[in-house]
Amino acid sequence: MKVRTFEPSSKYLGKLQLTLFLIALIVLASGALFGWLLSLDGEIGADGFRTAMIVTAILDGVWWLPAVVLAGPYYRSLSYEIREDEVVVRVGIITKSVKHVPFRMVTNVTVKRGILDRWFFDLGTLNIQTAGMSGSKGAEESLVGLANYDEVCEMVATELRRFRGGMAPTAAAGDADSPEALTAILNEVRAIRQALDARS
């Protein structure tokens, strides 16, 4: 099977920018509410409102401007690969990271679509959960910003079924005690141990 490589939809960048704008708006609204509460105090009055709004606007700008500038490079750094035995996720602006999620560790694959995804952008996120993360609520890896989320989910599920079919006990029933089968079991136990050690 050839490696299938793809990237998030260009609409994902719009979602990132809208999310940052909404967060900045919520911070400003919180500052306005705080300033209004200060203005109710007779001694502080309108000066308290102005001061609260200025401080909130400065603090909002300190994180918002860099976040908006970095949203584009972050979006362009994302890429995904579906291989015969794993999913690979590449991301990073300053520090590049390459995450390999082997199919032998995958326990669940789900598609998540939030309000912005459904109402405005028609996007989805493919969450891949592994044995090492099964006790937590988070996914081992997420493929974000997918316009073809159902297709990618089916692609991963198909490869996962094919991979697991190749490991089916019925296929190797006669060779269960062979050195190759025992080596495969030992490698699986070692991989589980490494995943558990990495979590501690």
Protein backbone atom coordinates (compact mmCIF):
# COMPACT_ATOMS: atom_id res chain seq x y z
CA MET A 1 0.00 0.00 0.00
CA LYS A 2 1.31 3.45 -0.82
CA VAL A 3 1.49 6.10 1.90
CA ARG A 4 -1.44 8.52 1.75
CA THR A 5 -0.49 12.04 2.77
CA PHE A 6 -2.90 14.89 3.34
CA GLU A 7 -3.25 18.21 5.14
CA PRO A 8 -6.03 20.04 6.98
CA SER A 9 -8.56 21.99 4.92
CA SER A 10 -7.83 25.68 4.30
CA LYS A 11 -11.06 26.35 6.21
CA TYR A 12 -9.24 25.20 9.35
CA LEU A 13 -7.11 28.36 9.27
CA GLY A 14 -10.34 30.41 9.24
CA LYS A 15 -11.59 28.40 12.21
CA LEU A 16 -8.36 29.08 14.12
CA GLN A 17 -8.62 32.81 13.44
CA LEU A 18 -12.31 32.94 14.39
CA THR A 19 -11.61 31.02 17.60
CA LEU A 20 -8.84 33.46 18.55
CA PHE A 21 -11.14 36.41 17.80
CA LEU A 22 -13.94 34.97 19.95
CA ILE A 23 -11.56 34.32 22.86
CA ALA A 24 -10.24 37.90 22.62
CA LEU A 25 -13.83 39.18 22.57
CA ILE A 26 -14.70 37.16 25.68
CA VAL A 27 -11.63 38.55 27.48
CA LEU A 28 -12.64 42.11 26.55
CA ALA A 29 -16.22 41.50 27.68
CA SER A 30 -14.92 40.15 31.00
CA GLY A 31 -12.77 43.25 31.41
CA ALA A 32 -15.78 45.46 30.64
CA LEU A 33 -17.87 43.61 33.23
CA PHE A 34 -15.11 43.96 35.82
CA GLY A 35 -14.73 47.67 34.98
CA TRP A 36 -18.49 48.19 35.28
CA LEU A 37 -18.46 46.53 38.72
CA LEU A 38 -15.60 48.84 39.73
CA SER A 39 -17.51 51.87 38.46
CA LEU A 40 -20.36 51.06 40.85
CA ASP A 41 -18.07 51.99 43.72
CA GLY A 42 -18.63 55.67 44.42
CA GLU A 43 -14.95 56.40 45.12
CA ILE A 44 -13.60 54.70 41.99
CA GLY A 45 -16.34 55.64 39.53
CA ALA A 46 -15.72 55.91 35.79
CA ASP A 47 -11.94 55.94 36.26
CA GLY A 48 -12.13 52.31 37.39
CA PHE A 49 -13.99 51.33 34.22
CA ARG A 50 -11.46 53.10 31.97
CA THR A 51 -8.50 51.60 33.80
CA ALA A 52 -9.97 48.09 33.66
CA MET A 53 -10.64 48.41 29.92
CA ILE A 54 -7.13 49.73 29.16
CA VAL A 55 -5.45 46.97 31.17
CA THR A 56 -7.69 44.31 29.60
CA ALA A 57 -7.04 45.61 26.07
CA ILE A 58 -3.26 45.60 26.64
CA LEU A 59 -3.27 42.09 28.11
CA ASP A 60 -5.56 40.90 25.33
CA GLY A 61 -3.25 42.33 22.66
CA VAL A 62 -0.16 40.75 24.26
CA TRP A 63 -1.38 37.21 23.59
CA TRP A 64 -3.78 37.80 20.67
CA LEU A 65 -1.42 39.46 18.16
CA PRO A 66 1.27 36.74 18.37
CA ALA A 67 -1.41 34.05 18.27
CA VAL A 68 -2.93 35.47 15.07
CA VAL A 69 0.52 35.80 13.47
CA LEU A 70 1.45 32.20 14.40
CA ALA A 71 -1.90 30.69 13.33
CA GLY A 72 -0.86 30.62 9.65
CA PRO A 73 2.53 28.92 10.15
CA TYR A 74 0.94 26.46 12.61
CA TYR A 75 -1.74 25.54 10.07
CA ARG A 76 0.85 25.10 7.30
CA SER A 77 3.00 22.87 9.55
CA LEU A 78 0.26 20.25 9.94
CA SER A 79 0.38 17.13 7.78
CA TYR A 80 -0.90 13.59 8.17
CA GLU A 81 0.12 10.22 6.72
CA ILE A 82 -1.76 6.94 6.73
CA ARG A 83 0.61 4.01 6.30
CA GLU A 84 0.11 0.24 6.34
CA ASP A 85 0.78 -0.08 10.05
CA GLU A 86 0.51 3.42 11.53
CA VAL A 87 -0.72 7.00 11.33
CA VAL A 88 1.91 9.75 11.34
CA VAL A 89 1.18 13.34 12.39
CA ARG A 90 3.67 16.16 11.72
CA VAL A 91 3.29 19.55 13.38
CA GLY A 92 5.38 22.40 14.71
CA ILE A 93 6.53 25.93 14.01
CA ILE A 94 9.74 26.30 16.00
CA THR A 95 9.97 22.76 17.36
CA LYS A 96 8.90 20.19 14.78
CA SER A 97 7.26 17.05 16.08
CA VAL A 98 6.55 13.77 14.31
CA LYS A 99 4.13 11.48 16.13
CA HIS A 100 3.77 7.82 15.09
CA VAL A 101 0.62 6.01 16.22
CA PRO A 102 1.00 2.29 15.44
CA PHE A 103 -2.20 0.39 14.64
CA ARG A 104 -1.24 -2.34 17.11
CA MET A 105 -1.82 0.22 19.91
CA VAL A 106 -5.08 1.76 18.58
CA THR A 107 -8.19 1.01 20.64
CA ASN A 108 -10.69 3.52 19.25
CA VAL A 109 -11.16 5.94 16.34
CA THR A 110 -13.80 8.69 16.59
CA VAL A 111 -14.83 11.80 14.69
CA LYS A 112 -15.52 14.94 16.73
CA ARG A 113 -17.32 18.01 15.34
CA GLY A 114 -17.82 21.07 17.52
CA ILE A 115 -20.29 23.92 17.03
CA LEU A 116 -17.95 25.96 14.81
CA ASP A 117 -17.13 22.83 12.80
CA ARG A 118 -20.80 22.06 12.14
CA TRP A 119 -22.31 25.52 11.76
CA PHE A 120 -19.64 27.45 9.89
CA PHE A 121 -16.83 25.33 8.48
CA ASP A 122 -18.08 21.76 7.85
CA LEU A 123 -14.92 20.31 9.38
CA GLY A 124 -14.17 17.41 11.68
CA THR A 125 -11.39 16.07 13.89
CA LEU A 126 -10.36 12.42 13.85
CA ASN A 127 -9.35 11.33 17.35
CA ILE A 128 -7.19 8.21 17.66
CA GLN A 129 -7.11 6.63 21.11
CA THR A 130 -4.53 4.02 22.05
CA ALA A 131 -4.10 1.43 24.78
CA GLY A 132 -1.72 3.80 26.56
CA MET A 133 -4.40 6.54 26.70
CA SER A 134 -7.49 4.39 27.30
CA GLY A 135 -7.69 5.40 30.97
CA SER A 136 -7.83 9.10 30.13
CA LYS A 137 -10.37 11.20 28.29
CA GLY A 138 -7.92 12.55 25.74
CA ALA A 139 -6.86 11.03 22.45
CA GLU A 140 -3.33 9.87 21.71
CA GLU A 141 -3.41 11.93 18.52
CA SER A 142 -5.90 14.13 16.68
CA LEU A 143 -6.09 14.85 12.97
CA VAL A 144 -7.67 18.32 13.02
CA GLY A 145 -9.29 20.44 10.33
CA LEU A 146 -10.48 17.64 8.07
CA ALA A 147 -13.03 18.51 5.38
CA ASN A 148 -13.22 14.82 4.37
CA TYR A 149 -13.41 13.57 7.97
CA ASP A 150 -15.72 10.62 7.16
CA GLU A 151 -13.47 9.47 4.32
CA VAL A 152 -10.31 9.72 6.47
CA CYS A 153 -12.04 7.92 9.36
CA GLU A 154 -13.08 5.10 7.02
CA MET A 155 -9.56 4.99 5.55
CA VAL A 156 -8.00 4.60 9.01
CA ALA A 157 -10.67 2.08 10.08
CA THR A 158 -10.11 0.02 6.90
CA GLU A 159 -6.34 -0.05 7.42
CA LEU A 160 -6.87 -0.90 11.08
CA ARG A 161 -9.17 -3.82 10.17
CA ARG A 162 -6.70 -5.00 7.51
CA PHE A 163 -3.83 -4.77 9.99
CA ARG A 164 -5.76 -6.61 12.69
CA GLY A 165 -6.94 -9.21 10.16
CA GLY A 166 -3.31 -9.99 9.41
CA MET A 167 -2.78 -10.57 13.13
CA ALA A 168 -5.96 -12.65 13.61
CA PRO A 169 -5.47 -15.71 15.83
CA THR A 170 -7.27 -17.95 13.30
CA ALA A 171 -4.72 -17.05 10.66
CA ALA A 172 -1.88 -18.16 12.89
CA ALA A 173 -3.60 -20.87 14.95
CA GLY A 174 -1.22 -23.57 13.78
CA ASP A 175 1.81 -21.41 14.44
CA ALA A 176 0.87 -20.13 17.91
CA ASP A 177 3.97 -21.73 19.48
CA SER A 178 6.35 -20.89 16.66
CA PRO A 179 9.37 -18.66 17.39
CA GLU A 180 7.92 -15.93 15.13
CA ALA A 181 4.61 -15.90 17.03
CA LEU A 182 6.38 -15.83 20.39
CA THR A 183 8.64 -13.00 19.18
CA ALA A 184 5.59 -11.03 18.01
CA ILE A 185 3.94 -11.51 21.41
CA LEU A 186 7.12 -10.44 23.20
CA ASN A 187 7.38 -7.31 21.01
CA GLU A 188 3.75 -6.47 21.78
CA VAL A 189 4.33 -6.82 25.53
CA ARG A 190 7.44 -4.62 25.28
CA ALA A 191 5.50 -1.95 23.35
CA ILE A 192 2.77 -1.95 26.01
CA ARG A 193 5.42 -1.68 28.74
CA GLN A 194 7.09 1.26 26.97
CA ALA A 195 3.72 3.01 26.62
CA LEU A 196 3.02 2.51 30.33
CA ASP A 197 6.51 3.72 31.32
CA ALA A 198 6.10 6.80 29.12
CA ARG A 199 2.89 7.71 30.99
CA SER A 200 4.55 7.52 34.42
